[in-house]
């Protein structure tokens, strides 16, 4: 079983990353993250075979594996009306928008709003 999502940091016009996960035998999860460039150049950032994220939607915190022997605790503030997740790690707040590849392709044709 595999899945692919596009994660945009700081909204739909922020930096975009392609996240692929595969669940193998015994629930062993492999995850790869690649940054998407303006010209669709893809640079692999992380590839991990560490276990699953320990999180339940009712929880305020998630334990996220980042390497074979290290994990991080992330505070989950929830989802806003635009569908963005607000997360905090090491005191830094960031908004994340998780989309399907098809949804991401549609946002690429939108113009970023300019303050008037």
Foldseek 3Di string as FASTA:
>chain_A
DKAWKWKAKQDLPHWIKIWMWDQDPPRFIWIWIWTQDPVRDTDTDDIERAHDKADDVVDQWIWADRYNPDIFIKGWPDADPVGWTWIDGPRDIITMHIGHPVVSVVSVPDDDDDDD
